């Protein structure tokens, strides 16, 4: 009589070379996506910081202008400053219209910064898990059920497509922001800062090329 049955699972041992190729491909793809998403995140952080700094400075200046306009309007009617006061008072109102457009751009920048950060966090976590197996021999990896499960999970076509699609959306959003003329100069500063191109270094680089 059959007293009981023990379920047995049979696993096919993957080809070590093929598994190693898949592992290397995943690391390469995720590294590239992590680099790009991190770059977008850092650029948006830099741009956001500069815009907020400009906003604070402008707010202080406009407050001073508003105060000056109020003071000038109290002067005698025949004075030059009294005649100029309506134009001075109107400056903050004119700026508020421009600021409404800027706020929409800044909201897009904040959203882009957050989304790029979220994708970078996910990719960084996955890469860290993959990197734990970097020094393990491929023959051992092909017998490691946990590693094989991880590779199958990360190599899932839908997962990679979703991550690539998210990155494409981020690139589109970044392209829109970077093509706005008033932000190009700020982003150029970020690139120069990243490359270490200070004014002094530019000067020495320029002169060294001329003397060659």
Protein backbone atom coordinates (compact mmCIF):
# COMPACT_ATOMS: atom_id res chain seq x y z
CA UNK A 1 0.00 0.00 0.00
CA UNK A 2 1.05 3.59 -0.64
CA UNK A 3 1.28 5.26 2.75
CA UNK A 4 2.28 8.72 1.50
CA UNK A 5 3.83 10.63 -1.36
CA UNK A 6 6.72 13.07 -1.30
CA UNK A 7 6.52 15.78 -4.00
CA UNK A 8 9.75 16.10 -5.94
CA UNK A 9 10.67 19.12 -8.03
CA UNK A 10 13.13 18.61 -10.85
CA UNK A 11 15.12 21.64 -11.95
CA UNK A 12 17.04 21.85 -15.21
CA UNK A 13 20.55 23.08 -14.59
CA UNK A 14 21.08 26.16 -16.79
CA UNK A 15 24.07 26.44 -19.08
CA UNK A 16 26.76 28.27 -17.01
CA UNK A 17 27.98 30.30 -20.00
CA UNK A 18 24.49 31.38 -21.00
CA UNK A 19 23.65 32.24 -17.41
CA UNK A 20 26.86 34.30 -17.12
CA UNK A 21 25.99 36.18 -20.34
CA UNK A 22 22.50 36.96 -19.02
CA UNK A 23 23.99 38.13 -15.73
CA UNK A 24 26.48 40.42 -17.49
CA UNK A 25 23.75 41.79 -19.79
CA UNK A 26 21.46 42.60 -16.86
CA UNK A 27 24.22 44.38 -14.97
CA UNK A 28 25.16 46.40 -18.04
CA UNK A 29 21.58 47.39 -18.90
CA UNK A 30 20.74 48.35 -15.31
CA UNK A 31 24.00 50.27 -14.89
CA UNK A 32 23.27 52.36 -17.98
CA UNK A 33 19.70 53.05 -16.86
CA UNK A 34 20.89 53.90 -13.34
CA UNK A 35 23.50 56.30 -14.70
CA UNK A 36 20.98 58.11 -16.89
CA UNK A 37 18.21 58.31 -14.28
CA UNK A 38 20.69 59.52 -11.65
CA UNK A 39 22.00 62.18 -14.03
CA UNK A 40 18.49 63.48 -14.69
CA UNK A 41 17.73 63.48 -10.95
CA UNK A 42 20.91 65.43 -10.08
CA UNK A 43 20.34 67.96 -12.86
CA UNK A 44 16.79 68.58 -11.71
CA UNK A 45 17.97 68.96 -8.09
CA UNK A 46 20.54 71.54 -9.24
CA UNK A 47 18.04 73.37 -11.45
CA UNK A 48 15.37 73.34 -8.74
CA UNK A 49 17.83 74.75 -6.20
CA UNK A 50 18.92 77.56 -8.49
CA UNK A 51 15.33 78.50 -9.35
CA UNK A 52 14.33 78.63 -5.69
CA UNK A 53 17.35 80.79 -4.93
CA UNK A 54 16.41 83.15 -7.77
CA UNK A 55 12.82 83.22 -6.53
CA UNK A 56 13.92 84.23 -3.01
CA UNK A 57 16.16 86.98 -4.38
CA UNK A 58 13.41 88.28 -6.69
CA UNK A 59 10.85 88.25 -3.86
CA UNK A 60 13.15 90.38 -1.68
CA UNK A 61 13.76 92.83 -4.52
CA UNK A 62 10.05 93.12 -5.35
CA UNK A 63 9.22 93.69 -1.70
CA UNK A 64 11.70 96.56 -1.68
CA UNK A 65 10.21 97.96 -4.92
CA UNK A 66 6.68 97.75 -3.51
CA UNK A 67 7.81 99.60 -0.38
CA UNK A 68 9.60 102.21 -2.51
CA UNK A 69 6.48 102.68 -4.66
CA UNK A 70 4.36 103.23 -1.58
CA UNK A 71 6.83 105.80 -0.26
CA UNK A 72 7.11 107.62 -3.59
CA UNK A 73 3.31 107.80 -4.02
CA UNK A 74 3.10 109.77 -0.79
CA UNK A 75 5.39 112.49 -2.14
CA UNK A 76 4.08 115.78 -3.63
CA UNK A 77 2.45 115.39 -7.06
CA UNK A 78 4.96 117.55 -8.93
CA UNK A 79 8.02 115.53 -7.95
CA UNK A 80 9.69 113.10 -10.39
CA UNK A 81 9.51 110.17 -7.96
CA UNK A 82 5.79 110.76 -7.42
CA UNK A 83 5.20 110.61 -11.18
CA UNK A 84 7.28 107.40 -11.46
CA UNK A 85 5.49 105.63 -8.62
CA UNK A 86 2.66 104.04 -10.74
CA UNK A 87 5.24 102.31 -12.94
CA UNK A 88 7.20 101.13 -9.92
CA UNK A 89 4.08 99.79 -8.20
CA UNK A 90 3.10 97.97 -11.41
CA UNK A 91 6.36 95.96 -11.59
CA UNK A 92 5.35 93.30 -9.01
CA UNK A 93 2.00 92.79 -10.77
CA UNK A 94 3.73 92.31 -14.13
CA UNK A 95 6.19 89.88 -12.58
CA UNK A 96 3.39 87.82 -11.03
CA UNK A 97 2.15 86.96 -14.56
CA UNK A 98 5.61 85.73 -15.53
CA UNK A 99 5.91 83.86 -12.25
CA UNK A 100 2.68 81.93 -12.94
CA UNK A 101 4.32 80.44 -16.06
CA UNK A 102 7.52 79.67 -14.15
CA UNK A 103 5.58 77.84 -11.42
CA UNK A 104 4.18 75.40 -13.99
CA UNK A 105 7.71 74.69 -15.22
CA UNK A 106 8.94 74.26 -11.67
CA UNK A 107 6.19 71.75 -10.93
CA UNK A 108 7.35 69.73 -13.95
CA UNK A 109 10.94 69.94 -12.69
CA UNK A 110 9.91 68.71 -9.22
CA UNK A 111 7.92 65.81 -10.69
CA UNK A 112 10.81 64.86 -12.96
CA UNK A 113 13.23 64.99 -10.04
CA UNK A 114 11.02 62.69 -7.93
CA UNK A 115 10.37 60.17 -10.71
CA UNK A 116 14.03 59.96 -11.69
CA UNK A 117 14.95 59.48 -8.02
CA UNK A 118 12.43 56.66 -7.63
CA UNK A 119 13.72 54.81 -10.70
CA UNK A 120 17.33 55.30 -9.62
CA UNK A 121 16.53 53.86 -6.17
CA UNK A 122 14.92 50.75 -7.69
CA UNK A 123 17.81 50.17 -10.09
CA UNK A 124 20.42 50.78 -7.43
CA UNK A 125 18.80 48.19 -5.16
CA UNK A 126 18.70 45.61 -7.95
CA UNK A 127 22.30 46.24 -8.95
CA UNK A 128 23.46 45.89 -5.36
CA UNK A 129 21.80 42.48 -5.20
CA UNK A 130 23.39 41.42 -8.48
CA UNK A 131 26.81 42.68 -7.40
CA UNK A 132 26.77 40.30 -4.45
CA UNK A 133 27.47 37.49 -6.93
CA UNK A 134 30.27 39.24 -8.84
CA UNK A 135 33.10 37.14 -7.36
CA UNK A 136 31.26 33.81 -7.44
CA UNK A 137 32.39 31.28 -10.07
CA UNK A 138 29.92 30.70 -12.89
CA UNK A 139 29.83 26.96 -12.20
CA UNK A 140 28.69 27.68 -8.66
CA UNK A 141 26.12 30.21 -9.84
CA UNK A 142 24.52 27.67 -12.17
CA UNK A 143 23.86 25.47 -9.12
CA UNK A 144 22.58 28.34 -6.96
CA UNK A 145 18.77 28.18 -7.01
CA UNK A 146 18.42 31.58 -5.31
CA UNK A 147 20.67 33.26 -7.89
CA UNK A 148 18.85 31.61 -10.80
CA UNK A 149 15.49 32.76 -9.39
CA UNK A 150 16.85 36.30 -9.05
CA UNK A 151 18.16 36.33 -12.63
CA UNK A 152 14.85 35.01 -13.96
CA UNK A 153 13.00 37.69 -12.00
CA UNK A 154 15.22 40.56 -13.17
CA UNK A 155 15.38 39.25 -16.72
CA UNK A 156 11.61 39.26 -17.04
CA UNK A 157 10.82 41.06 -20.30
CA UNK A 158 7.90 42.99 -18.85
CA UNK A 159 9.97 44.31 -15.94
CA UNK A 160 12.77 45.51 -18.21
CA UNK A 161 10.29 47.04 -20.64
CA UNK A 162 8.58 48.95 -17.83
CA UNK A 163 11.89 50.31 -16.55
CA UNK A 164 13.01 51.25 -20.06
CA UNK A 165 9.64 52.89 -20.71
CA UNK A 166 9.91 54.91 -17.49
CA UNK A 167 13.40 56.04 -18.48
CA UNK A 168 12.16 57.07 -21.94
CA UNK A 169 9.45 59.19 -20.30
CA UNK A 170 12.08 60.79 -18.08
CA UNK A 171 14.26 61.53 -21.11
CA UNK A 172 11.30 63.14 -22.86
CA UNK A 173 10.52 65.28 -19.82
CA UNK A 174 14.17 66.27 -19.46
CA UNK A 175 14.40 67.16 -23.15
CA UNK A 176 11.39 69.47 -22.79
CA UNK A 177 12.90 71.27 -19.80
CA UNK A 178 16.42 71.48 -21.25
CA UNK A 179 15.10 73.06 -24.47
CA UNK A 180 13.62 76.00 -22.56
CA UNK A 181 16.10 78.79 -23.16
CA UNK A 182 16.01 80.31 -19.68
CA UNK A 183 17.04 76.96 -18.14
CA UNK A 184 19.80 76.13 -20.60
CA UNK A 185 22.35 78.42 -18.95
CA UNK A 186 21.70 76.89 -15.51
CA UNK A 187 22.04 73.34 -16.86
CA UNK A 188 25.24 74.39 -18.63
CA UNK A 189 26.60 75.51 -15.26
CA UNK A 190 25.82 72.07 -13.87
CA UNK A 191 27.74 70.41 -16.71
CA UNK A 192 30.70 72.72 -16.19
CA UNK A 193 30.63 72.12 -12.44
CA UNK A 194 30.48 68.34 -12.96
CA UNK A 195 33.44 68.44 -15.34
CA UNK A 196 35.38 70.74 -13.01
CA UNK A 197 35.48 73.55 -15.55
CA UNK A 198 35.94 76.52 -13.28
CA UNK A 199 36.76 79.88 -14.80
CA UNK A 200 40.41 79.55 -13.78
CA UNK A 201 40.71 76.05 -15.25
CA UNK A 202 39.14 77.23 -18.50
CA UNK A 203 41.73 80.00 -18.65
CA UNK A 204 44.66 77.62 -18.20
CA UNK A 205 43.22 75.08 -20.64
CA UNK A 206 42.75 77.80 -23.26
CA UNK A 207 46.29 79.11 -22.86
CA UNK A 208 47.86 75.65 -22.83
CA UNK A 209 46.20 74.88 -26.18
CA UNK A 210 47.50 78.13 -27.65
CA UNK A 211 51.08 77.34 -26.61
CA UNK A 212 51.06 73.78 -28.04
